[in-house]
Amino acid sequence: MIFLAFLLLAAMFATLFILIKGLVNMAQTTSQDLEGTGDGPSPRALKSQKLMQQRILFQAIAIAVIALILIMMSAKG
């Protein structure tokens, strides 16, 4: 159970860290990034997308750990 609590904290902090990185990346977006060059998404947009995917992954891990903890607690009575 202690391992799951540690895993949950790690997933939560990883989610927070990636969220902050994404916000910083978004704050550094310039008008040139928004206008684009017509050659596809800008490198900043690609980085933003990658950070969002990582955030969703860590959130899913945290939710799965919470569900596992709840299942274990309900099994104990």
Protein backbone atom coordinates (compact mmCIF):
# COMPACT_ATOMS: atom_id res chain seq x y z
CA MET A 1 0.00 0.00 0.00
CA ILE A 2 2.88 2.35 0.78
CA PHE A 3 4.33 1.65 -2.66
CA LEU A 4 1.04 2.66 -4.28
CA ALA A 5 0.93 5.87 -2.24
CA PHE A 6 4.46 6.69 -3.37
CA LEU A 7 3.56 5.87 -6.97
CA LEU A 8 0.49 8.12 -6.74
CA LEU A 9 2.53 11.02 -5.40
CA ALA A 10 5.13 10.53 -8.13
CA ALA A 11 2.44 10.51 -10.83
CA MET A 12 0.81 13.62 -9.37
CA PHE A 13 4.08 15.54 -9.19
CA ALA A 14 5.01 14.43 -12.71
CA THR A 15 1.63 15.69 -13.93
CA LEU A 16 2.17 19.02 -12.19
CA PHE A 17 5.70 19.34 -13.59
CA ILE A 18 4.59 18.64 -17.15
CA LEU A 19 1.64 21.02 -16.74
CA ILE A 20 3.98 23.82 -15.67
CA LYS A 21 6.34 23.07 -18.56
CA GLY A 22 3.37 23.27 -20.93
CA LEU A 23 2.23 26.58 -19.49
CA VAL A 24 5.74 28.03 -19.82
CA ASN A 25 5.90 26.77 -23.41
CA MET A 26 2.54 28.37 -24.15
CA ALA A 27 3.60 31.66 -22.52
CA GLN A 28 6.65 31.80 -24.81
CA THR A 29 4.54 31.47 -27.96
CA THR A 30 5.16 34.32 -30.39
CA SER A 31 2.94 35.72 -33.10
CA GLN A 32 5.29 34.11 -35.63
CA ASP A 33 4.52 30.70 -34.06
CA LEU A 34 0.81 31.39 -34.37
CA GLU A 35 0.92 32.61 -37.97
CA GLY A 36 3.02 29.70 -39.16
CA THR A 37 5.02 29.41 -42.34
CA GLY A 38 2.70 27.09 -44.24
CA ASP A 39 5.09 24.17 -43.76
CA GLY A 40 3.04 22.46 -41.08
CA PRO A 41 2.98 23.01 -37.35
CA SER A 42 5.71 25.07 -35.70
CA PRO A 43 8.28 23.39 -33.46
CA ARG A 44 6.64 25.08 -30.46
CA ALA A 45 3.24 23.64 -31.42
CA LEU A 46 4.78 20.17 -31.73
CA LYS A 47 6.42 20.55 -28.32
CA SER A 48 3.10 21.69 -26.86
CA GLN A 49 1.36 18.64 -28.29
CA LYS A 50 4.03 16.31 -26.89
CA LEU A 51 3.74 17.89 -23.44
CA MET A 52 -0.05 17.51 -23.52
CA GLN A 53 0.27 13.83 -24.38
CA GLN A 54 2.72 13.32 -21.51
CA ARG A 55 0.39 15.13 -19.10
CA ILE A 56 -2.52 12.92 -20.12
CA LEU A 57 -0.36 9.81 -19.65
CA PHE A 58 0.65 10.80 -16.11
CA GLN A 59 -2.95 11.72 -15.26
CA ALA A 60 -4.08 8.30 -16.46
CA ILE A 61 -1.44 6.62 -14.32
CA ALA A 62 -2.57 8.63 -11.28
CA ILE A 63 -6.22 7.71 -11.87
CA ALA A 64 -5.33 4.04 -12.29
CA VAL A 65 -3.36 4.06 -9.03
CA ILE A 66 -6.26 5.75 -7.22
CA ALA A 67 -8.64 3.10 -8.56
CA LEU A 68 -6.26 0.36 -7.43
CA ILE A 69 -5.99 1.87 -3.94
CA LEU A 70 -9.77 2.11 -3.69
CA ILE A 71 -10.20 -1.49 -4.80
CA MET A 72 -7.66 -2.67 -2.24
CA MET A 73 -9.27 -0.64 0.54
CA SER A 74 -12.74 -1.96 -0.25
CA ALA A 75 -11.44 -5.54 -0.28
CA LYS A 76 -10.08 -5.08 3.25
CA GLY A 77 -13.56 -4.28 4.47
